[in-house]
Amino acid sequence: MELHCLLALAGARDLDGLDRWLHGRRSTNDRKATLLAQMGIGLRAFAAGDYELASVVLAAAVPRVSELGGSHAQNLLFQDIADLSWTRAQTMTRAAA
Protein backbone atom coordinates (compact mmCIF):
# COMPACT_ATOMS: atom_id res chain seq x y z
CA MET A 1 0.00 0.00 0.00
CA GLU A 2 1.36 3.39 -1.00
CA LEU A 3 0.32 5.01 2.26
CA HIS A 4 2.60 2.71 4.20
CA CYS A 5 5.47 3.48 1.84
CA LEU A 6 4.88 7.19 2.47
CA LEU A 7 4.94 6.54 6.19
CA ALA A 8 8.26 4.69 5.87
CA LEU A 9 9.76 7.49 3.78
CA ALA A 10 8.60 10.09 6.33
CA GLY A 11 9.92 8.00 9.23
CA ALA A 12 13.30 7.81 7.52
CA ARG A 13 13.11 11.55 6.78
CA ASP A 14 13.73 10.70 3.13
CA LEU A 15 12.71 14.07 1.72
CA ASP A 16 14.11 13.22 -1.72
CA GLY A 17 12.03 10.04 -1.84
CA LEU A 18 8.92 11.90 -0.72
CA ASP A 19 9.57 14.63 -3.29
CA ARG A 20 9.95 12.03 -6.06
CA TRP A 21 6.70 10.38 -5.01
CA LEU A 22 4.85 13.70 -4.88
CA HIS A 23 6.29 14.79 -8.22
CA GLY A 24 4.93 11.60 -9.78
CA ARG A 25 1.36 12.39 -8.70
CA ARG A 26 -0.99 13.58 -11.39
CA SER A 27 -4.07 15.73 -10.97
CA THR A 28 -7.10 13.54 -10.80
CA ASN A 29 -10.72 13.64 -9.79
CA ASP A 30 -10.28 10.34 -7.95
CA ARG A 31 -11.04 11.03 -4.28
CA LYS A 32 -8.71 8.32 -3.00
CA ALA A 33 -5.79 9.52 -5.14
CA THR A 34 -6.38 13.08 -3.96
CA LEU A 35 -6.50 11.96 -0.33
CA LEU A 36 -3.32 9.91 -0.78
CA ALA A 37 -1.54 12.94 -2.26
CA GLN A 38 -2.77 15.06 0.66
CA MET A 39 -1.34 12.52 3.11
CA GLY A 40 1.93 12.60 1.16
CA ILE A 41 2.12 16.38 1.47
CA GLY A 42 1.38 16.23 5.20
CA LEU A 43 3.90 13.46 5.87
CA ARG A 44 6.53 15.27 3.80
CA ALA A 45 5.97 18.43 5.86
CA PHE A 46 6.24 16.40 9.08
CA ALA A 47 9.49 14.78 7.94
CA ALA A 48 10.90 18.20 7.03
CA GLY A 49 10.01 19.62 10.43
CA ASP A 50 7.36 21.98 9.01
CA TYR A 51 4.95 21.10 11.78
CA GLU A 52 2.59 23.98 11.11
CA LEU A 53 1.95 22.84 7.53
CA ALA A 54 1.85 19.19 8.60
CA SER A 55 -0.75 19.89 11.29
CA VAL A 56 -3.02 21.78 8.88
CA VAL A 57 -2.79 19.23 6.07
CA LEU A 58 -3.00 16.15 8.27
CA ALA A 59 -5.88 17.55 10.35
CA ALA A 60 -7.91 17.68 7.14
CA ALA A 61 -6.77 14.33 5.75
CA VAL A 62 -6.51 12.02 8.75
CA PRO A 63 -10.25 11.80 9.52
CA ARG A 64 -10.66 10.25 6.06
CA VAL A 65 -7.59 8.00 6.05
CA SER A 66 -9.69 4.88 6.66
CA GLU A 67 -10.93 5.32 3.07
CA LEU A 68 -7.43 4.24 2.00
CA GLY A 69 -7.56 1.03 4.01
CA GLY A 70 -5.29 -0.24 6.74
CA SER A 71 -6.06 -1.46 10.21
CA HIS A 72 -7.61 0.59 12.97
CA ALA A 73 -4.21 0.70 14.72
CA GLN A 74 -2.50 1.97 11.57
CA ASN A 75 -5.12 4.66 11.16
CA LEU A 76 -4.63 5.70 14.79
CA LEU A 77 -0.93 6.11 14.06
CA PHE A 78 -1.74 8.78 11.49
CA GLN A 79 -3.89 10.57 14.05
CA ASP A 80 -0.95 10.45 16.47
CA ILE A 81 1.31 12.03 13.82
CA ALA A 82 -1.26 14.77 13.20
CA ASP A 83 -1.55 15.41 16.95
CA LEU A 84 2.23 15.49 17.37
CA SER A 85 2.51 17.93 14.45
CA TRP A 86 0.01 20.25 16.12
CA THR A 87 1.79 20.02 19.48
CA ARG A 88 5.19 20.74 17.93
CA ALA A 89 3.77 23.63 15.89
CA GLN A 90 2.31 25.15 19.06
CA THR A 91 5.57 24.69 20.95
CA MET A 92 7.56 26.35 18.17
CA THR A 93 5.08 29.25 18.00
CA ARG A 94 5.36 29.83 21.76
CA ALA A 95 9.16 29.62 21.63
CA ALA A 96 9.28 32.22 18.85
CA ALA A 97 7.10 34.67 20.81
PDB file of N, CA and C in Angstrom:
ATOM      1  N   MET A   1       0.843  -1.178   0.000  1.00  0.00           N
ATOM      2  CA  MET A   1       0.000   0.000   0.000  1.00  0.00           C
ATOM      3  C   MET A   1       0.891   1.245   0.000  1.00  0.00           C
ATOM      4  N   GLU A   2       0.549   2.182  -0.860  1.00  0.00           N
ATOM      5  CA  GLU A   2       1.361   3.392  -0.998  1.00  0.00           C
ATOM      6  C   GLU A   2       1.420   4.204   0.290  1.00  0.00           C
ATOM      7  N   LEU A   3       0.349   4.230   1.027  1.00  0.00           N
ATOM      8  CA  LEU A   3       0.318   5.009   2.258  1.00  0.00           C
ATOM      9  C   LEU A   3       1.383   4.538   3.234  1.00  0.00           C
ATOM     10  N   HIS A   4       1.588   3.238   3.302  1.00  0.00           N
ATOM     11  CA  HIS A   4       2.603   2.707   4.204  1.00  0.00           C
ATOM     12  C   HIS A   4       4.002   3.037   3.702  1.00  0.00           C
ATOM     13  N   CYS A   5       4.177   3.069   2.405  1.00  0.00           N
ATOM     14  CA  CYS A   5       5.467   3.483   1.835  1.00  0.00           C
ATOM     15  C   CYS A   5       5.752   4.939   2.181  1.00  0.00           C
ATOM     16  N   LEU A   6       4.716   5.784   2.095  1.00  0.00           N
ATOM     17  CA  LEU A   6       4.883   7.187   2.467  1.00  0.00           C
ATOM     18  C   LEU A   6       5.259   7.322   3.937  1.00  0.00           C
ATOM     19  N   LEU A   7       4.634   6.520   4.766  1.00  0.00           N
ATOM     20  CA  LEU A   7       4.942   6.539   6.194  1.00  0.00           C
ATOM     21  C   LEU A   7       6.396   6.143   6.433  1.00  0.00           C
ATOM     22  N   ALA A   8       6.864   5.121   5.724  1.00  0.00           N
ATOM     23  CA  ALA A   8       8.257   4.685   5.867  1.00  0.00           C
ATOM     24  C   ALA A   8       9.215   5.769   5.396  1.00  0.00           C
ATOM     25  N   LEU A   9       8.908   6.407   4.279  1.00  0.00           N
ATOM     26  CA  LEU A   9       9.764   7.493   3.783  1.00  0.00           C
ATOM     27  C   LEU A   9       9.807   8.648   4.782  1.00  0.00           C
ATOM     28  N   ALA A  10       8.645   8.999   5.345  1.00  0.00           N
ATOM     29  CA  ALA A  10       8.597  10.086   6.327  1.00  0.00           C
ATOM     30  C   ALA A  10       9.363   9.707   7.590  1.00  0.00           C
ATOM     31  N   GLY A  11       9.207   8.459   8.033  1.00  0.00           N
ATOM     32  CA  GLY A  11       9.920   8.004   9.229  1.00  0.00           C
ATOM     33  C   GLY A  11      11.426   8.032   9.048  1.00  0.00           C
ATOM     34  N   ALA A  12      11.866   7.775   7.830  1.00  0.00           N
ATOM     35  CA  ALA A  12      13.303   7.813   7.525  1.00  0.00           C
ATOM     36  C   ALA A  12      13.768   9.230   7.184  1.00  0.00           C
ATOM     37  N   ARG A  13      12.837  10.171   7.170  1.00  0.00           N
ATOM     38  CA  ARG A  13      13.109  11.553   6.782  1.00  0.00           C
ATOM     39  C   ARG A  13      13.745  11.627   5.394  1.00  0.00           C
ATOM     40  N   ASP A  14      13.247  10.756   4.515  1.00  0.00           N
ATOM     41  CA  ASP A  14      13.733  10.696   3.134  1.00  0.00           C
ATOM     42  C   ASP A  14      12.974  11.727   2.301  1.00  0.00           C
ATOM     43  N   LEU A  15      13.396  12.987   2.414  1.00  0.00           N
ATOM     44  CA  LEU A  15      12.706  14.067   1.717  1.00  0.00           C
ATOM     45  C   LEU A  15      12.816  13.917   0.205  1.00  0.00           C
ATOM     46  N   ASP A  16      13.957  13.436  -0.277  1.00  0.00           N
ATOM     47  CA  ASP A  16      14.106  13.222  -1.720  1.00  0.00           C
ATOM     48  C   ASP A  16      13.119  12.171  -2.215  1.00  0.00           C
ATOM     49  N   GLY A  17      12.979  11.085  -1.471  1.00  0.00           N
ATOM     50  CA  GLY A  17      12.032  10.044  -1.843  1.00  0.00           C
ATOM     51  C   GLY A  17      10.595  10.552  -1.821  1.00  0.00           C
ATOM     52  N   LEU A  18      10.256  11.324  -0.804  1.00  0.00           N
ATOM     53  CA  LEU A  18       8.917  11.901  -0.722  1.00  0.00           C
ATOM     54  C   LEU A  18       8.681  12.884  -1.869  1.00  0.00           C
ATOM     55  N   ASP A  19       9.696  13.687  -2.182  1.00  0.00           N
ATOM     56  CA  ASP A  19       9.568  14.629  -3.293  1.00  0.00           C
ATOM     57  C   ASP A  19       9.370  13.897  -4.619  1.00  0.00           C
ATOM     58  N   ARG A  20      10.113  12.811  -4.823  1.00  0.00           N
ATOM     59  CA  ARG A  20       9.952  12.030  -6.055  1.00  0.00           C
ATOM     60  C   ARG A  20       8.547  11.453  -6.141  1.00  0.00           C
ATOM     61  N   TRP A  21       8.049  10.938  -5.023  1.00  0.00           N
ATOM     62  CA  TRP A  21       6.703  10.376  -5.009  1.00  0.00           C
ATOM     63  C   TRP A  21       5.681  11.463  -5.319  1.00  0.00           C
ATOM     64  N   LEU A  22       5.797  12.616  -4.661  1.00  0.00           N
ATOM     65  CA  LEU A  22       4.849  13.702  -4.880  1.00  0.00           C
ATOM     66  C   LEU A  22       4.922  14.228  -6.310  1.00  0.00           C
ATOM     67  N   HIS A  23       6.115  14.307  -6.846  1.00  0.00           N
ATOM     68  CA  HIS A  23       6.285  14.793  -8.220  1.00  0.00           C
ATOM     69  C   HIS A  23       5.598  13.858  -9.217  1.00  0.00           C
ATOM     70  N   GLY A  24       5.544  12.586  -8.894  1.00  0.00           N
ATOM     71  CA  GLY A  24       4.927  11.599  -9.781  1.00  0.00           C
ATOM     72  C   GLY A  24       3.405  11.588  -9.731  1.00  0.00           C
ATOM     73  N   ARG A  25       2.820  12.338  -8.821  1.00  0.00           N
ATOM     74  CA  ARG A  25       1.357  12.394  -8.704  1.00  0.00           C
ATOM     75  C   ARG A  25       0.804  13.233  -9.833  1.00  0.00           C
ATOM     76  N   ARG A  26      -0.309  12.834 -10.328  1.00  0.00           N
ATOM     77  CA  ARG A  26      -0.991  13.585 -11.387  1.00  0.00           C
ATOM     78  C   ARG A  26      -2.324  14.082 -10.853  1.00  0.00           C
ATOM     79  N   SER A  27      -2.746  15.226 -11.338  1.00  0.00           N
ATOM     80  CA  SER A  27      -4.070  15.731 -10.966  1.00  0.00           C
ATOM     81  C   SER A  27      -5.124  14.725 -11.392  1.00  0.00           C
ATOM     82  N   THR A  28      -6.053  14.520 -10.512  1.00  0.00           N
ATOM     83  CA  THR A  28      -7.099  13.545 -10.802  1.00  0.00           C
ATOM     84  C   THR A  28      -8.354  13.927 -10.038  1.00  0.00           C
ATOM     85  N   ASN A  29      -9.455  13.439 -10.499  1.00  0.00           N
ATOM     86  CA  ASN A  29     -10.716  13.636  -9.787  1.00  0.00           C
ATOM     87  C   ASN A  29     -11.019  12.464  -8.864  1.00  0.00           C
ATOM     88  N   ASP A  30     -10.119  11.504  -8.810  1.00  0.00           N
ATOM     89  CA  ASP A  30     -10.280  10.336  -7.946  1.00  0.00           C
ATOM     90  C   ASP A  30     -10.069  10.762  -6.492  1.00  0.00           C
ATOM     91  N   ARG A  31     -11.102  10.590  -5.679  1.00  0.00           N
ATOM     92  CA  ARG A  31     -11.036  11.035  -4.278  1.00  0.00           C
ATOM     93  C   ARG A  31      -9.925  10.339  -3.496  1.00  0.00           C
ATOM     94  N   LYS A  32      -9.741   9.050  -3.732  1.00  0.00           N
ATOM     95  CA  LYS A  32      -8.710   8.317  -3.004  1.00  0.00           C
ATOM     96  C   LYS A  32      -7.312   8.799  -3.402  1.00  0.00           C
ATOM     97  N   ALA A  33      -7.089   9.030  -4.683  1.00  0.00           N
ATOM     98  CA  ALA A  33      -5.786   9.518  -5.139  1.00  0.00           C
ATOM     99  C   ALA A  33      -5.504  10.905  -4.578  1.00  0.00           C
ATOM    100  N   THR A  34      -6.529  11.738  -4.518  1.00  0.00           N
ATOM    101  CA  THR A  34      -6.379  13.083  -3.963  1.00  0.00           C
ATOM    102  C   THR A  34      -6.064  13.009  -2.472  1.00  0.00           C
ATOM    103  N   LEU A  35      -6.748  12.137  -1.756  1.00  0.00           N
ATOM    104  CA  LEU A  35      -6.498  11.956  -0.326  1.00  0.00           C
ATOM    105  C   LEU A  35      -5.090  11.416  -0.095  1.00  0.00           C
ATOM    106  N   LEU A  36      -4.660  10.467  -0.897  1.00  0.00           N
ATOM    107  CA  LEU A  36      -3.317   9.910  -0.775  1.00  0.00           C
ATOM    108  C   LEU A  36      -2.267  10.996  -1.002  1.00  0.00           C
ATOM    109  N   ALA A  37      -2.479  11.841  -2.001  1.00  0.00           N
ATOM    110  CA  ALA A  37      -1.543  12.941  -2.256  1.00  0.00           C
ATOM    111  C   ALA A  37      -1.528  13.914  -1.082  1.00  0.00           C
ATOM    112  N   GLN A  38      -2.680  14.174  -0.504  1.00  0.00           N
ATOM    113  CA  GLN A  38      -2.766  15.056   0.659  1.00  0.00           C
ATOM    114  C   GLN A  38      -1.981  14.465   1.830  1.00  0.00           C
ATOM    115  N   MET A  39      -2.117  13.177   2.051  1.00  0.00           N
ATOM    116  CA  MET A  39      -1.344  12.520   3.105  1.00  0.00           C
ATOM    117  C   MET A  39       0.155  12.624   2.812  1.00  0.00           C
ATOM    118  N   GLY A  40       0.528  12.470   1.543  1.00  0.00           N
ATOM    119  CA  GLY A  40       1.930  12.596   1.157  1.00  0.00           C
ATOM    120  C   GLY A  40       2.477  13.978   1.470  1.00  0.00           C
ATOM    121  N   ILE A  41       1.699  15.008   1.184  1.00  0.00           N
ATOM    122  CA  ILE A  41       2.124  16.381   1.473  1.00  0.00           C
ATOM    123  C   ILE A  41       2.273  16.580   2.980  1.00  0.00           C
ATOM    124  N   GLY A  42       1.308  16.087   3.744  1.00  0.00           N
ATOM    125  CA  GLY A  42       1.381  16.228   5.201  1.00  0.00           C
ATOM    126  C   GLY A  42       2.545  15.471   5.809  1.00  0.00           C
ATOM    127  N   LEU A  43       2.782  14.250   5.343  1.00  0.00           N
ATOM    128  CA  LEU A  43       3.896  13.458   5.872  1.00  0.00           C
ATOM    129  C   LEU A  43       5.237  14.042   5.448  1.00  0.00           C
ATOM    130  N   ARG A  44       5.297  14.624   4.251  1.00  0.00           N
ATOM    131  CA  ARG A  44       6.533  15.266   3.797  1.00  0.00           C
ATOM    132  C   ARG A  44       6.830  16.484   4.682  1.00  0.00           C
ATOM    133  N   ALA A  45       5.789  17.269   4.984  1.00  0.00           N
ATOM    134  CA  ALA A  45       5.965  18.429   5.863  1.00  0.00           C
ATOM    135  C   ALA A  45       6.423  17.982   7.250  1.00  0.00           C
ATOM    136  N   PHE A  46       5.837  16.925   7.775  1.00  0.00           N
ATOM    137  CA  PHE A  46       6.242  16.397   9.079  1.00  0.00           C
ATOM    138  C   PHE A  46       7.707  15.985   9.062  1.00  0.00           C
ATOM    139  N   ALA A  47       8.106  15.255   8.034  1.00  0.00           N
ATOM    140  CA  ALA A  47       9.490  14.781   7.938  1.00  0.00           C
ATOM    141  C   ALA A  47      10.467  15.941   7.824  1.00  0.00           C
ATOM    142  N   ALA A  48      10.034  17.036   7.212  1.00  0.00           N
ATOM    143  CA  ALA A  48      10.899  18.203   7.032  1.00  0.00           C
ATOM    144  C   ALA A  48      10.906  19.114   8.258  1.00  0.00           C
ATOM    145  N   GLY A  49      10.071  18.795   9.232  1.00  0.00           N
ATOM    146  CA  GLY A  49      10.014  19.624  10.431  1.00  0.00           C
ATOM    147  C   GLY A  49       9.125  20.845  10.270  1.00  0.00           C
ATOM    148  N   ASP A  50       8.316  20.883   9.219  1.00  0.00           N
ATOM    149  CA  ASP A  50       7.359  21.975   9.009  1.00  0.00           C
ATOM    150  C   ASP A  50       6.054  21.550   9.677  1.00  0.00           C
ATOM    151  N   TYR A  51       6.058  21.638  11.004  1.00  0.00           N
ATOM    152  CA  TYR A  51       4.952  21.100  11.779  1.00  0.00           C
ATOM    153  C   TYR A  51       3.667  21.903  11.617  1.00  0.00           C
ATOM    154  N   GLU A  52       3.791  23.181  11.323  1.00  0.00           N
ATOM    155  CA  GLU A  52       2.588  23.981  11.106  1.00  0.00           C
ATOM    156  C   GLU A  52       1.848  23.496   9.858  1.00  0.00           C
ATOM    157  N   LEU A  53       2.576  23.342   8.760  1.00  0.00           N
ATOM    158  CA  LEU A  53       1.952  22.836   7.534  1.00  0.00           C
ATOM    159  C   LEU A  53       1.450  21.410   7.742  1.00  0.00           C
ATOM    160  N   ALA A  54       2.260  20.585   8.370  1.00  0.00           N
ATOM    161  CA  ALA A  54       1.851  19.189   8.604  1.00  0.00           C
ATOM    162  C   ALA A  54       0.561  19.125   9.412  1.00  0.00           C
ATOM    163  N   SER A  55       0.456  19.952  10.444  1.00  0.00           N
ATOM    164  CA  SER A  55      -0.745  19.888  11.287  1.00  0.00           C
ATOM    165  C   SER A  55      -1.988  20.314  10.517  1.00  0.00           C
ATOM    166  N   VAL A  56      -1.867  21.324   9.665  1.00  0.00           N
ATOM    167  CA  VAL A  56      -3.020  21.782   8.881  1.00  0.00           C
ATOM    168  C   VAL A  56      -3.445  20.717   7.870  1.00  0.00           C
ATOM    169  N   VAL A  57      -2.479  20.198   7.114  1.00  0.00           N
ATOM    170  CA  VAL A  57      -2.788  19.227   6.065  1.00  0.00           C
ATOM    171  C   VAL A  57      -3.295  17.921   6.662  1.00  0.00           C
ATOM    172  N   LEU A  58      -2.609  17.427   7.687  1.00  0.00           N
ATOM    173  CA  LEU A  58      -3.004  16.151   8.272  1.00  0.00           C
ATOM    174  C   LEU A  58      -4.324  16.246   9.032  1.00  0.00           C
ATOM    175  N   ALA A  59      -4.605  17.392   9.648  1.00  0.00           N
ATOM    176  CA  ALA A  59      -5.882  17.554  10.346  1.00  0.00           C
ATOM    177  C   ALA A  59      -7.055  17.389   9.378  1.00  0.00           C
ATOM    178  N   ALA A  60      -6.858  17.816   8.142  1.00  0.00           N
ATOM    179  CA  ALA A  60      -7.912  17.684   7.139  1.00  0.00           C
ATOM    180  C   ALA A  60      -7.975  16.271   6.558  1.00  0.00           C
ATOM    181  N   ALA A  61      -6.829  15.624   6.429  1.00  0.00           N
ATOM    182  CA  ALA A  61      -6.774  14.332   5.751  1.00  0.00           C
ATOM    183  C   ALA A  61      -7.009  13.134   6.677  1.00  0.00           C
ATOM    184  N   VAL A  62      -6.482  13.186   7.864  1.00  0.00           N
ATOM    185  CA  VAL A  62      -6.507  12.015   8.754  1.00  0.00           C
ATOM    186  C   VAL A  62      -7.913  11.502   9.063  1.00  0.00           C
ATOM    187  N   PRO A  63      -8.919  12.347   9.247  1.00  0.00           N
ATOM    188  CA  PRO A  63     -10.251  11.799   9.520  1.00  0.00           C
ATOM    189  C   PRO A  63     -10.791  10.920   8.383  1.00  0.00           C
ATOM    190  N   ARG A  64     -10.212  11.033   7.208  1.00  0.00           N
ATOM    191  CA  ARG A  64     -10.663  10.248   6.058  1.00  0.00           C
ATOM    192  C   ARG A  64      -9.697   9.122   5.692  1.00  0.00           C
ATOM    193  N   VAL A  65      -8.622   8.960   6.445  1.00  0.00           N
ATOM    194  CA  VAL A  65      -7.586   7.998   6.055  1.00  0.00           C
ATOM    195  C   VAL A  65      -8.103   6.566   5.988  1.00  0.00           C
ATOM    196  N   SER A  66      -9.149   6.249   6.715  1.00  0.00           N
ATOM    197  CA  SER A  66      -9.691   4.883   6.663  1.00  0.00           C
ATOM    198  C   SER A  66     -10.208   4.543   5.265  1.00  0.00           C
ATOM    199  N   GLU A  67     -10.506   5.561   4.451  1.00  0.00           N
ATOM    200  CA  GLU A  67     -10.931   5.321   3.071  1.00  0.00           C
ATOM    201  C   GLU A  67      -9.822   4.665   2.245  1.00  0.00           C
ATOM    202  N   LEU A  68      -8.583   4.808   2.711  1.00  0.00           N
ATOM    203  CA  LEU A  68      -7.432   4.242   2.004  1.00  0.00           C
ATOM    204  C   LEU A  68      -7.100   2.840   2.488  1.00  0.00           C
ATOM    205  N   GLY A  69      -7.801   2.372   3.502  1.00  0.00           N
ATOM    206  CA  GLY A  69      -7.562   1.030   4.015  1.00  0.00           C
ATOM    207  C   GLY A  69      -6.670   1.046   5.246  1.00  0.00           C
ATOM    208  N   GLY A  70      -6.144  -0.107   5.565  1.00  0.00           N
ATOM    209  CA  GLY A  70      -5.294  -0.236   6.741  1.00  0.00           C
ATOM    210  C   GLY A  70      -6.106  -0.607   7.968  1.00  0.00           C
ATOM    211  N   SER A  71      -5.415  -1.049   8.967  1.00  0.00           N
ATOM    212  CA  SER A  71      -6.059  -1.456  10.206  1.00  0.00           C
ATOM    213  C   SER A  71      -6.422  -0.238  11.047  1.00  0.00           C
ATOM    214  N   HIS A  72      -7.242  -0.480  12.033  1.00  0.00           N
ATOM    215  CA  HIS A  72      -7.610   0.589  12.969  1.00  0.00           C
ATOM    216  C   HIS A  72      -6.357   1.140  13.648  1.00  0.00           C
ATOM    217  N   ALA A  73      -5.446   0.262  14.058  1.00  0.00           N
ATOM    218  CA  ALA A  73      -4.213   0.702  14.719  1.00  0.00           C
ATOM    219  C   ALA A  73      -3.357   1.556  13.790  1.00  0.00           C
ATOM    220  N   GLN A  74      -3.276   1.180  12.530  1.00  0.00           N
ATOM    221  CA  GLN A  74      -2.501   1.973  11.574  1.00  0.00           C
ATOM    222  C   GLN A  74      -3.140   3.346  11.384  1.00  0.00           C
ATOM    223  N   ASN A  75      -4.439   3.381  11.319  1.00  0.00           N
ATOM    224  CA  ASN A  75      -5.120   4.659  11.163  1.00  0.00           C
ATOM    225  C   ASN A  75      -4.938   5.542  12.397  1.00  0.00           C
ATOM    226  N   LEU A  76      -4.905   4.935  13.573  1.00  0.00           N
ATOM    227  CA  LEU A  76      -4.632   5.702  14.793  1.00  0.00           C
ATOM    228  C   LEU A  76      -3.227   6.299  14.778  1.00  0.00           C
ATOM    229  N   LEU A  77      -2.289   5.595  14.168  1.00  0.00           N
ATOM    230  CA  LEU A  77      -0.928   6.106  14.062  1.00  0.00           C
ATOM    231  C   LEU A  77      -0.906   7.433  13.305  1.00  0.00           C
ATOM    232  N   PHE A  78      -1.690   7.528  12.239  1.00  0.00           N
ATOM    233  CA  PHE A  78      -1.743   8.782  11.486  1.00  0.00           C
ATOM    234  C   PHE A  78      -2.356   9.897  12.319  1.00  0.00           C
ATOM    235  N   GLN A  79      -3.328   9.571  13.148  1.00  0.00           N
ATOM    236  CA  GLN A  79      -3.894  10.575  14.052  1.00  0.00           C
ATOM    237  C   GLN A  79      -2.836  11.025  15.049  1.00  0.00           C
ATOM    238  N   ASP A  80      -2.028  10.092  15.550  1.00  0.00           N
ATOM    239  CA  ASP A  80      -0.946  10.448  16.474  1.00  0.00           C
ATOM    240  C   ASP A  80       0.058  11.391  15.807  1.00  0.00           C
ATOM    241  N   ILE A  81       0.376  11.153  14.550  1.00  0.00           N
ATOM    242  CA  ILE A  81       1.306  12.025  13.819  1.00  0.00           C
ATOM    243  C   ILE A  81       0.697  13.417  13.652  1.00  0.00           C
ATOM    244  N   ALA A  82      -0.585  13.479  13.331  1.00  0.00           N
ATOM    245  CA  ALA A  82      -1.263  14.771  13.199  1.00  0.00           C
ATOM    246  C   ALA A  82      -1.262  15.513  14.535  1.00  0.00           C
ATOM    247  N   ASP A  83      -1.550  14.801  15.620  1.00  0.00           N
ATOM    248  CA  ASP A  83      -1.554  15.413  16.951  1.00  0.00           C
ATOM    249  C   ASP A  83      -0.158  15.899  17.338  1.00  0.00           C
ATOM    250  N   LEU A  84       0.852  15.099  17.061  1.00  0.00           N
ATOM    251  CA  LEU A  84       2.226  15.486  17.366  1.00  0.00           C
ATOM    252  C   LEU A  84       2.639  16.714  16.550  1.00  0.00           C
ATOM    253  N   SER A  85       2.224  16.763  15.298  1.00  0.00           N
ATOM    254  CA  SER A  85       2.515  17.929  14.454  1.00  0.00           C
ATOM    255  C   SER A  85       1.919  19.186  15.068  1.00  0.00           C
ATOM    256  N   TRP A  86       0.667  19.099  15.512  1.00  0.00           N
ATOM    257  CA  TRP A  86       0.005  20.253  16.122  1.00  0.00           C
ATOM    258  C   TRP A  86       0.734  20.682  17.392  1.00  0.00           C
ATOM    259  N   THR A  87       1.088  19.712  18.236  1.00  0.00           N
ATOM    260  CA  THR A  87       1.792  20.021  19.484  1.00  0.00           C
ATOM    261  C   THR A  87       3.131  20.690  19.204  1.00  0.00           C
ATOM    262  N   ARG A  88       3.887  20.149  18.262  1.00  0.00           N
ATOM    263  CA  ARG A  88       5.188  20.739  17.929  1.00  0.00           C
ATOM    264  C   ARG A  88       5.032  22.119  17.309  1.00  0.00           C
ATOM    265  N   ALA A  89       4.017  22.314  16.484  1.00  0.00           N
ATOM    266  CA  ALA A  89       3.773  23.631  15.892  1.00  0.00           C
ATOM    267  C   ALA A  89       3.463  24.654  16.985  1.00  0.00           C
ATOM    268  N   GLN A  90       2.645  24.264  17.963  1.00  0.00           N
ATOM    269  CA  GLN A  90       2.309  25.152  19.058  1.00  0.00           C
ATOM    270  C   GLN A  90       3.531  25.487  19.907  1.00  0.00           C
ATOM    271  N   THR A  91       4.353  24.483  20.171  1.00  0.00           N
ATOM    272  CA  THR A  91       5.572  24.688  20.953  1.00  0.00           C
ATOM    273  C   THR A  91       6.520  25.649  20.236  1.00  0.00           C
ATOM    274  N   MET A  92       6.667  25.483  18.941  1.00  0.00           N
ATOM    275  CA  MET A  92       7.559  26.352  18.165  1.00  0.00           C
ATOM    276  C   MET A  92       7.008  27.784  18.119  1.00  0.00           C
ATOM    277  N   THR A  93       5.694  27.920  18.023  1.00  0.00           N
ATOM    278  CA  THR A  93       5.076  29.251  18.002  1.00  0.00           C
ATOM    279  C   THR A  93       5.303  29.962  19.328  1.00  0.00           C
ATOM    280  N   ARG A  94       5.137  29.234  20.437  1.00  0.00           N
ATOM    281  CA  ARG A  94       5.365  29.833  21.761  1.00  0.00           C
ATOM    282  C   ARG A  94       6.824  30.196  21.961  1.00  0.00           C
ATOM    283  N   ALA A  95       7.731  29.362  21.468  1.00  0.00           N
ATOM    284  CA  ALA A  95       9.161  29.624  21.631  1.00  0.00           C
ATOM    285  C   ALA A  95       9.593  30.845  20.814  1.00  0.00           C
ATOM    286  N   ALA A  96       8.930  31.083  19.698  1.00  0.00           N
ATOM    287  CA  ALA A  96       9.277  32.216  18.846  1.00  0.00           C
ATOM    288  C   ALA A  96       8.724  33.543  19.405  1.00  0.00           C
ATOM    289  N   ALA A  97       7.735  33.440  20.276  1.00  0.00           N
ATOM    290  CA  ALA A  97       7.102  34.666  20.807  1.00  0.00           C
ATOM    291  C   ALA A  97       7.918  35.326  21.889  1.00  0.00           C
TER     292      ALA A  97
END
